[in-house]
Amino acid sequence: MEEIGLYGAGGKPSWFLKLNPRGTVPVLVTHGGAAVYPDSDVVLDQYEIGNLRGNAPIYPPPDRKDVRESIKLWRCLINNMLDDGRESVLSSESVPSKALQKHLEEMDKAVVGPYIASQRVTTADCHAFPFVWRLKQEYSTAFATDYPALNEWVETCEQQPEFSRTVQSSWWWWW
């Protein structure tokens, strides 16, 4: 694993932009550079279809169409929320913007529990956690009372080291 600076003097290194001209992160390089997967959505897609698991069992199993549809819904919900989330956080208001509130209300209603798309961890949780965790940090007072299912889900994930290791302490990491 090699971390790169996303901002600052010189920008992203040229070797990184050769791998991924769009400059999105993360980028996963496998098979000695033969396969390059830019962006978390692409990495998760590859994981879900089995290109990155090795011999690990897949969840959900192929016959769980309901869980697969829930995962797809959650990945769309998060992607659709990102611009409004960014604008809301950068506004420095103490409560989410109206646009972000609408997204959070929709997401709160969609939580399956204890994880967002199923009774077990899925790629939907992996996709959503860093963003929703960030919003909870920003709007902790409103979050706990206005979005109880999301709040409970974040607290469940925070107890798992696999999730807690994915968050950054600096305020700008998402943007």
Protein backbone atom coordinates (compact mmCIF):
# COMPACT_ATOMS: atom_id res chain seq x y z
CA MET A 1 0.00 0.00 0.00
CA GLU A 2 1.25 3.44 -0.85
CA GLU A 3 -0.49 6.56 0.36
CA ILE A 4 -0.32 9.69 -1.75
CA GLY A 5 -1.04 13.30 -0.91
CA LEU A 6 -4.31 14.33 -2.49
CA TYR A 7 -3.59 18.04 -2.23
CA GLY A 8 -0.68 20.36 -1.76
CA ALA A 9 2.44 21.30 -3.64
CA GLY A 10 2.84 19.42 -6.88
CA GLY A 11 -0.53 17.68 -6.68
CA LYS A 12 -0.83 13.97 -7.31
CA PRO A 13 2.34 12.25 -8.56
CA SER A 14 2.64 11.58 -12.31
CA TRP A 15 3.01 7.82 -11.76
CA PHE A 16 -0.38 7.86 -10.00
CA LEU A 17 -2.06 9.82 -12.82
CA LYS A 18 -0.67 7.31 -15.33
CA LEU A 19 -2.51 4.58 -13.41
CA ASN A 20 -5.67 6.66 -13.12
CA PRO A 21 -5.88 9.80 -15.30
CA ARG A 22 -9.08 10.92 -13.51
CA GLY A 23 -7.11 11.07 -10.25
CA THR A 24 -9.81 9.44 -8.12
CA VAL A 25 -8.92 7.37 -5.08
CA PRO A 26 -8.48 4.68 -4.06
CA VAL A 27 -6.72 2.83 -6.85
CA LEU A 28 -6.10 -0.88 -6.50
CA VAL A 29 -3.34 -2.39 -8.62
CA THR A 30 -3.20 -6.18 -8.81
CA HIS A 31 -1.38 -8.91 -10.71
CA GLY A 32 1.85 -6.93 -10.89
CA GLY A 33 0.15 -3.98 -12.53
CA ALA A 34 -1.84 -5.99 -15.08
CA ALA A 35 -5.13 -4.92 -13.51
CA VAL A 36 -5.86 -1.40 -12.30
CA TYR A 37 -9.12 -0.61 -10.53
CA PRO A 38 -9.61 3.15 -10.01
CA ASP A 39 -12.15 4.45 -7.49
CA SER A 40 -13.89 2.69 -4.61
CA ASP A 41 -17.00 1.84 -6.68
CA VAL A 42 -14.88 -0.03 -9.22
CA VAL A 43 -12.97 -1.86 -6.47
CA LEU A 44 -16.25 -2.88 -4.79
CA ASP A 45 -17.67 -4.05 -8.14
CA GLN A 46 -14.62 -6.27 -8.64
CA TYR A 47 -14.91 -7.62 -5.12
CA GLU A 48 -18.61 -8.41 -5.57
CA ILE A 49 -18.06 -10.36 -8.79
CA GLY A 50 -15.24 -12.35 -7.22
CA ASN A 51 -12.13 -10.88 -8.81
CA LEU A 52 -10.59 -9.83 -5.48
CA ARG A 53 -11.66 -12.44 -2.98
CA GLY A 54 -9.45 -15.39 -3.73
CA ASN A 55 -11.18 -18.37 -2.17
CA ALA A 56 -13.23 -16.45 0.41
CA PRO A 57 -16.97 -17.16 0.42
CA ILE A 58 -19.20 -14.55 -1.16
CA TYR A 59 -21.93 -12.77 0.73
CA PRO A 60 -24.66 -12.42 -0.18
CA PRO A 61 -24.98 -15.78 -1.89
CA PRO A 62 -26.17 -15.57 -5.50
CA ASP A 63 -29.72 -16.58 -4.54
CA ARG A 64 -30.19 -13.57 -2.20
CA LYS A 65 -31.53 -11.14 -4.78
CA ASP A 66 -33.11 -9.01 -2.02
CA VAL A 67 -29.73 -8.36 -0.40
CA ARG A 68 -28.03 -7.69 -3.75
CA GLU A 69 -30.77 -5.14 -4.57
CA SER A 70 -30.37 -3.53 -1.15
CA ILE A 71 -26.61 -3.22 -1.72
CA LYS A 72 -27.23 -1.60 -5.09
CA LEU A 73 -29.75 0.81 -3.55
CA TRP A 74 -27.32 1.82 -0.80
CA ARG A 75 -24.45 2.44 -3.16
CA CYS A 76 -26.77 4.73 -5.19
CA LEU A 77 -28.02 6.51 -2.05
CA ILE A 78 -24.47 7.29 -0.96
CA ASN A 79 -23.30 8.38 -4.41
CA ASN A 80 -26.35 10.63 -4.80
CA MET A 81 -25.71 12.22 -1.40
CA LEU A 82 -22.04 13.11 -1.88
CA ASP A 83 -22.38 16.52 -3.54
CA ASP A 84 -25.00 17.72 -1.06
CA GLY A 85 -22.95 16.30 1.82
CA ARG A 86 -19.83 18.13 0.66
CA GLU A 87 -21.68 21.43 0.25
CA SER A 88 -23.37 21.08 3.63
CA VAL A 89 -20.17 20.30 5.54
CA LEU A 90 -18.19 23.04 3.80
CA SER A 91 -20.90 25.59 4.68
CA SER A 92 -19.84 25.23 8.34
CA GLU A 93 -23.47 25.27 9.52
CA SER A 94 -24.24 23.39 12.73
CA VAL A 95 -27.08 21.41 11.11
CA PRO A 96 -27.25 19.57 7.77
CA SER A 97 -28.53 21.54 4.80
CA LYS A 98 -32.12 20.89 3.71
CA ALA A 99 -30.84 18.94 0.70
CA LEU A 100 -28.63 16.75 2.89
CA GLN A 101 -31.44 16.28 5.42
CA LYS A 102 -33.60 14.83 2.64
CA HIS A 103 -30.88 12.31 1.76
CA LEU A 104 -30.31 11.38 5.40
CA GLU A 105 -34.03 10.85 6.00
CA GLU A 106 -34.22 8.53 2.98
CA MET A 107 -31.15 6.62 4.13
CA ASP A 108 -32.42 6.36 7.71
CA LYS A 109 -35.61 4.68 6.44
CA ALA A 110 -33.60 2.23 4.31
CA VAL A 111 -31.40 0.78 7.09
CA VAL A 112 -32.09 -2.95 7.39
CA GLY A 113 -30.19 -3.46 10.66
CA PRO A 114 -27.89 -4.21 12.22
CA TYR A 115 -26.04 -3.44 8.97
CA ILE A 116 -27.44 -1.19 6.31
CA ALA A 117 -28.32 -3.75 3.64
CA SER A 118 -28.48 -7.01 5.54
CA GLN A 119 -27.99 -8.82 8.82
CA ARG A 120 -24.33 -9.19 7.84
CA VAL A 121 -21.66 -6.80 6.58
CA THR A 122 -21.80 -6.21 2.83
CA THR A 123 -19.99 -3.96 0.38
CA ALA A 124 -22.78 -1.43 1.00
CA ASP A 125 -21.46 -0.95 4.54
CA CYS A 126 -17.90 -0.63 3.25
CA HIS A 127 -19.02 1.97 0.73
CA ALA A 128 -21.19 4.00 3.09
CA PHE A 129 -19.33 3.96 6.39
CA PRO A 130 -16.60 6.56 5.81
CA PHE A 131 -19.08 9.10 4.44
CA VAL A 132 -21.85 8.58 6.96
CA TRP A 133 -19.33 8.43 9.82
CA ARG A 134 -18.00 11.80 8.63
CA LEU A 135 -21.50 13.30 8.63
CA LYS A 136 -22.14 11.94 12.12
CA GLN A 137 -18.94 13.63 13.33
CA GLU A 138 -20.00 16.91 11.76
CA TYR A 139 -23.62 16.87 12.91
CA SER A 140 -23.48 14.72 16.04
CA THR A 141 -26.34 16.38 17.92
CA ALA A 142 -28.86 16.29 15.07
CA PHE A 143 -27.61 12.94 13.83
CA ALA A 144 -28.39 10.96 16.97
CA THR A 145 -31.92 12.30 17.30
CA ASP A 146 -33.01 12.85 13.69
CA TYR A 147 -31.49 9.73 12.10
CA PRO A 148 -31.64 7.00 14.77
CA ALA A 149 -31.27 4.01 12.46
CA LEU A 150 -28.22 5.52 10.73
CA ASN A 151 -26.79 6.51 14.09
CA GLU A 152 -27.21 2.98 15.45
CA TRP A 153 -25.64 1.52 12.30
CA VAL A 154 -22.60 3.83 12.61
CA GLU A 155 -22.21 2.84 16.27
CA THR A 156 -22.36 -0.85 15.31
CA CYS A 157 -19.67 -0.34 12.68
CA GLU A 158 -17.49 1.75 15.01
CA GLN A 159 -17.19 -1.32 17.23
CA GLN A 160 -15.53 -3.21 14.38
CA PRO A 161 -11.82 -2.43 13.86
CA GLU A 162 -12.19 -3.11 10.14
CA PHE A 163 -14.42 -0.03 9.92
CA SER A 164 -12.78 2.24 12.48
CA ARG A 165 -9.43 1.92 10.65
CA THR A 166 -10.98 3.41 7.49
CA VAL A 167 -11.67 6.90 8.80
CA GLN A 168 -9.42 9.93 8.71
CA SER A 169 -9.26 12.53 11.43
CA SER A 170 -8.78 15.53 9.19
CA TRP A 171 -11.92 17.39 8.16
CA TRP A 172 -11.20 17.58 4.44
CA TRP A 173 -10.39 13.95 3.69
CA TRP A 174 -13.64 13.28 1.83
CA TRP A 175 -13.46 16.29 -0.46
